């Protein structure tokens, strides 16, 4: 199943009710499309925590404005979840 959420509401973190509901209904193999990586948090730690949760839950993530952050492309590679860590590390 592919999931596309239209949540434009801001917030300090990912505790937004709509996002929490989305996390409860997503299942292994689902695909989450997000416009921007910053939808996962306000800082690097929040973004990394959410990304790791999605990877651990085996949910595919497509970040529309950063095409390399489409973990469907890297399923065969061991450690493909590390893509986000490298991307966020370059922001420091």
N, C-alpha and C. Protein backbone atom coordinates (compact mmCIF):
# COMPACT_ATOMS: atom_id res chain seq x y z
N UNK A 1 0.85 -1.17 0.00
CA UNK A 1 0.00 0.00 0.00
C UNK A 1 0.89 1.23 0.00
N UNK A 2 0.54 2.23 -0.77
CA UNK A 2 1.25 3.49 -0.76
C UNK A 2 0.42 4.50 0.00
N UNK A 3 1.09 5.27 0.86
CA UNK A 3 0.40 6.25 1.70
C UNK A 3 0.95 7.61 1.38
N UNK A 4 0.07 8.55 1.12
CA UNK A 4 0.48 9.93 0.88
C UNK A 4 -0.35 10.81 1.81
N UNK A 5 0.32 11.45 2.75
CA UNK A 5 -0.38 12.29 3.73
C UNK A 5 -0.23 13.75 3.34
N UNK A 6 -1.27 14.50 3.52
CA UNK A 6 -1.25 15.93 3.25
C UNK A 6 -1.38 16.66 4.57
N UNK A 7 -0.28 16.73 5.29
CA UNK A 7 -0.29 17.40 6.59
C UNK A 7 0.59 18.62 6.50
N UNK A 8 -0.03 19.79 6.42
CA UNK A 8 0.73 21.03 6.33
C UNK A 8 0.84 21.71 7.68
N UNK A 9 0.25 21.12 8.70
CA UNK A 9 0.30 21.73 10.03
C UNK A 9 1.72 21.70 10.56
N UNK A 10 2.11 22.78 11.17
CA UNK A 10 3.42 22.85 11.78
C UNK A 10 3.37 22.24 13.17
N UNK A 11 4.49 22.21 13.79
CA UNK A 11 4.56 21.67 15.13
C UNK A 11 6.00 21.60 15.58
N UNK A 12 6.18 21.51 16.89
CA UNK A 12 7.54 21.45 17.43
C UNK A 12 8.22 20.15 17.07
N UNK A 13 7.44 19.10 16.92
CA UNK A 13 8.04 17.78 16.72
C UNK A 13 7.03 16.89 16.01
N UNK A 14 7.28 15.62 16.03
CA UNK A 14 6.40 14.67 15.33
C UNK A 14 5.28 14.15 16.23
N UNK A 15 4.91 14.89 17.24
CA UNK A 15 3.82 14.48 18.11
C UNK A 15 2.46 14.93 17.58
N UNK A 16 2.43 15.43 16.34
CA UNK A 16 1.17 15.87 15.75
C UNK A 16 0.21 14.68 15.66
N UNK A 17 -1.05 14.87 16.05
CA UNK A 17 -2.01 13.75 16.07
C UNK A 17 -2.14 13.02 14.74
N UNK A 18 -2.14 13.77 13.63
CA UNK A 18 -2.30 13.14 12.32
C UNK A 18 -1.11 12.24 11.99
N UNK A 19 0.08 12.70 12.35
CA UNK A 19 1.27 11.90 12.08
C UNK A 19 1.30 10.65 12.96
N UNK A 20 0.89 10.78 14.20
CA UNK A 20 0.85 9.62 15.10
C UNK A 20 -0.17 8.60 14.59
N UNK A 21 -1.30 9.06 14.08
CA UNK A 21 -2.29 8.15 13.49
C UNK A 21 -1.69 7.45 12.27
N UNK A 22 -1.01 8.20 11.43
CA UNK A 22 -0.37 7.62 10.26
C UNK A 22 0.61 6.53 10.66
N UNK A 23 1.41 6.77 11.71
CA UNK A 23 2.36 5.77 12.17
C UNK A 23 1.66 4.50 12.67
N UNK A 24 0.49 4.67 13.26
CA UNK A 24 -0.24 3.49 13.76
C UNK A 24 -0.83 2.66 12.62
N UNK A 25 -1.19 3.28 11.51
CA UNK A 25 -1.85 2.53 10.43
C UNK A 25 -0.86 1.99 9.40
N UNK A 26 0.35 2.54 9.34
CA UNK A 26 1.33 2.05 8.38
C UNK A 26 1.79 0.65 8.77
N UNK A 27 2.02 -0.16 7.77
CA UNK A 27 2.46 -1.54 7.98
C UNK A 27 3.72 -1.81 7.17
N UNK A 28 4.41 -2.87 7.50
CA UNK A 28 5.60 -3.27 6.77
C UNK A 28 5.31 -3.32 5.28
N UNK A 29 6.18 -2.71 4.50
CA UNK A 29 6.01 -2.70 3.05
C UNK A 29 5.25 -1.50 2.52
N UNK A 30 4.60 -0.73 3.38
CA UNK A 30 3.91 0.49 2.94
C UNK A 30 4.95 1.51 2.50
N UNK A 31 4.51 2.48 1.70
CA UNK A 31 5.39 3.55 1.23
C UNK A 31 4.83 4.89 1.70
N UNK A 32 5.70 5.65 2.36
CA UNK A 32 5.35 6.99 2.84
C UNK A 32 6.06 8.01 1.98
N UNK A 33 5.30 8.89 1.35
CA UNK A 33 5.86 9.98 0.56
C UNK A 33 5.81 11.26 1.39
N UNK A 34 6.92 11.95 1.49
CA UNK A 34 6.95 13.24 2.18
C UNK A 34 7.60 14.26 1.25
N UNK A 35 7.11 15.47 1.30
CA UNK A 35 7.64 16.53 0.44
C UNK A 35 9.07 16.86 0.82
N UNK A 36 9.33 16.97 2.11
CA UNK A 36 10.63 17.42 2.58
C UNK A 36 11.03 16.63 3.82
N UNK A 37 12.31 16.40 3.97
CA UNK A 37 12.83 15.66 5.12
C UNK A 37 12.52 16.39 6.43
N UNK A 38 12.39 17.70 6.37
CA UNK A 38 12.15 18.44 7.62
C UNK A 38 10.75 18.21 8.18
N UNK A 39 9.91 17.47 7.47
CA UNK A 39 8.59 17.10 8.01
C UNK A 39 8.74 16.09 9.15
N UNK A 40 9.92 15.46 9.26
CA UNK A 40 10.16 14.47 10.32
C UNK A 40 10.65 15.10 11.61
N UNK A 41 10.98 16.38 11.61
CA UNK A 41 11.44 16.99 12.85
C UNK A 41 12.06 18.35 12.62
N UNK A 42 12.29 19.03 13.74
CA UNK A 42 12.85 20.38 13.69
C UNK A 42 14.37 20.40 13.76
N UNK A 43 14.96 19.28 14.12
CA UNK A 43 16.41 19.22 14.20
C UNK A 43 16.88 17.84 13.74
N UNK A 44 18.19 17.71 13.61
CA UNK A 44 18.76 16.48 13.09
C UNK A 44 18.39 15.27 13.93
N UNK A 45 18.41 15.40 15.25
CA UNK A 45 18.10 14.26 16.11
C UNK A 45 16.67 13.76 15.92
N UNK A 46 15.71 14.69 15.83
CA UNK A 46 14.32 14.28 15.60
C UNK A 46 14.16 13.59 14.25
N UNK A 47 14.80 14.16 13.23
CA UNK A 47 14.71 13.57 11.89
C UNK A 47 15.29 12.17 11.89
N UNK A 48 16.46 12.00 12.50
CA UNK A 48 17.10 10.69 12.54
C UNK A 48 16.27 9.68 13.32
N UNK A 49 15.65 10.12 14.42
CA UNK A 49 14.82 9.22 15.23
C UNK A 49 13.63 8.71 14.41
N UNK A 50 12.96 9.62 13.71
CA UNK A 50 11.80 9.21 12.91
C UNK A 50 12.22 8.33 11.74
N UNK A 51 13.32 8.69 11.08
CA UNK A 51 13.80 7.87 9.97
C UNK A 51 14.10 6.46 10.45
N UNK A 52 14.78 6.35 11.59
CA UNK A 52 15.13 5.03 12.12
C UNK A 52 13.87 4.23 12.46
N UNK A 53 12.87 4.90 13.02
CA UNK A 53 11.62 4.20 13.33
C UNK A 53 11.01 3.62 12.05
N UNK A 54 10.98 4.40 10.98
CA UNK A 54 10.42 3.95 9.72
C UNK A 54 11.22 2.79 9.13
N UNK A 55 12.54 2.89 9.19
CA UNK A 55 13.39 1.81 8.69
C UNK A 55 13.16 0.54 9.50
N UNK A 56 13.13 0.68 10.83
CA UNK A 56 12.91 -0.49 11.69
C UNK A 56 11.55 -1.13 11.44
N UNK A 57 10.55 -0.29 11.10
CA UNK A 57 9.20 -0.79 10.82
C UNK A 57 9.08 -1.32 9.39
N UNK A 58 10.19 -1.25 8.64
CA UNK A 58 10.23 -1.72 7.24
C UNK A 58 9.23 -0.99 6.36
N UNK A 59 9.15 0.34 6.60
CA UNK A 59 8.30 1.21 5.80
C UNK A 59 9.18 1.92 4.79
N UNK A 60 8.78 1.92 3.55
CA UNK A 60 9.53 2.60 2.50
C UNK A 60 9.28 4.10 2.63
N UNK A 61 10.33 4.88 2.41
CA UNK A 61 10.22 6.33 2.53
C UNK A 61 10.72 6.95 1.24
N UNK A 62 9.93 7.88 0.71
CA UNK A 62 10.31 8.64 -0.47
C UNK A 62 10.24 10.12 -0.09
N UNK A 63 11.40 10.78 -0.11
CA UNK A 63 11.46 12.22 0.15
C UNK A 63 11.49 12.90 -1.21
N UNK A 64 10.41 13.57 -1.54
CA UNK A 64 10.20 14.08 -2.89
C UNK A 64 11.26 15.11 -3.30
N UNK A 65 11.64 16.01 -2.38
CA UNK A 65 12.60 17.04 -2.78
C UNK A 65 14.06 16.62 -2.66
N UNK A 66 14.33 15.37 -2.24
CA UNK A 66 15.69 14.82 -2.23
C UNK A 66 15.59 13.40 -2.81
N UNK A 67 15.61 13.28 -4.14
CA UNK A 67 15.35 11.99 -4.79
C UNK A 67 16.24 10.84 -4.32
N UNK A 68 17.45 11.11 -3.86
CA UNK A 68 18.29 10.00 -3.40
C UNK A 68 17.72 9.37 -2.13
N UNK A 69 16.87 10.10 -1.41
CA UNK A 69 16.25 9.55 -0.20
C UNK A 69 14.94 8.84 -0.55
N UNK A 70 15.09 7.80 -1.32
CA UNK A 70 14.00 6.91 -1.70
C UNK A 70 14.50 5.50 -1.38
N UNK A 71 14.20 5.04 -0.17
CA UNK A 71 14.83 3.79 0.26
C UNK A 71 14.28 2.56 -0.47
N UNK A 72 13.31 2.73 -1.35
CA UNK A 72 12.87 1.60 -2.18
C UNK A 72 13.97 1.21 -3.16
N UNK A 73 14.79 2.19 -3.55
CA UNK A 73 15.85 1.96 -4.52
C UNK A 73 17.01 1.16 -3.94
N UNK A 74 17.11 1.13 -2.61
CA UNK A 74 18.30 0.56 -1.98
C UNK A 74 17.98 -0.65 -1.11
N UNK A 75 16.87 -1.31 -1.36
CA UNK A 75 16.46 -2.44 -0.54
C UNK A 75 17.47 -3.58 -0.55
N UNK A 76 18.15 -3.75 -1.65
CA UNK A 76 19.11 -4.86 -1.77
C UNK A 76 20.43 -4.57 -1.07
N UNK A 77 20.67 -3.31 -0.75
CA UNK A 77 21.93 -2.92 -0.13
C UNK A 77 21.83 -3.02 1.38
N UNK A 78 22.80 -3.63 1.98
CA UNK A 78 22.86 -3.69 3.43
C UNK A 78 23.15 -2.29 3.96
N UNK A 79 22.43 -1.89 5.00
CA UNK A 79 22.69 -0.59 5.60
C UNK A 79 22.13 0.57 4.82
N UNK A 80 21.10 0.32 3.99
CA UNK A 80 20.55 1.42 3.19
C UNK A 80 19.96 2.52 4.06
N UNK A 81 19.59 2.21 5.28
CA UNK A 81 19.09 3.23 6.19
C UNK A 81 20.13 4.27 6.52
N UNK A 82 21.39 3.98 6.24
CA UNK A 82 22.46 4.91 6.52
C UNK A 82 22.45 6.11 5.57
N UNK A 83 21.68 6.06 4.49
CA UNK A 83 21.61 7.18 3.57
C UNK A 83 21.24 8.47 4.27
N UNK A 84 20.26 8.39 5.15
CA UNK A 84 19.81 9.60 5.84
C UNK A 84 20.88 10.11 6.80
N UNK A 85 21.61 9.21 7.40
CA UNK A 85 22.65 9.64 8.34
C UNK A 85 23.73 10.42 7.62
N UNK A 86 24.11 9.98 6.45
CA UNK A 86 25.10 10.71 5.66
C UNK A 86 24.56 12.05 5.19
N UNK A 87 23.29 12.09 4.81
CA UNK A 87 22.69 13.32 4.35
C UNK A 87 22.61 14.35 5.49
N UNK A 88 22.21 13.91 6.66
CA UNK A 88 22.10 14.82 7.79
C UNK A 88 23.48 15.25 8.30
N UNK A 89 24.44 14.37 8.20
CA UNK A 89 25.78 14.71 8.67
C UNK A 89 26.38 15.82 7.85
N UNK A 90 26.00 15.89 6.58
CA UNK A 90 26.54 16.95 5.72
C UNK A 90 25.96 18.32 6.04
N UNK A 91 24.90 18.35 6.86
CA UNK A 91 24.28 19.61 7.25
C UNK A 91 25.00 20.31 8.39
N UNK A 92 25.94 19.64 9.03
CA UNK A 92 26.59 20.23 10.19
C UNK A 92 27.79 21.05 9.81
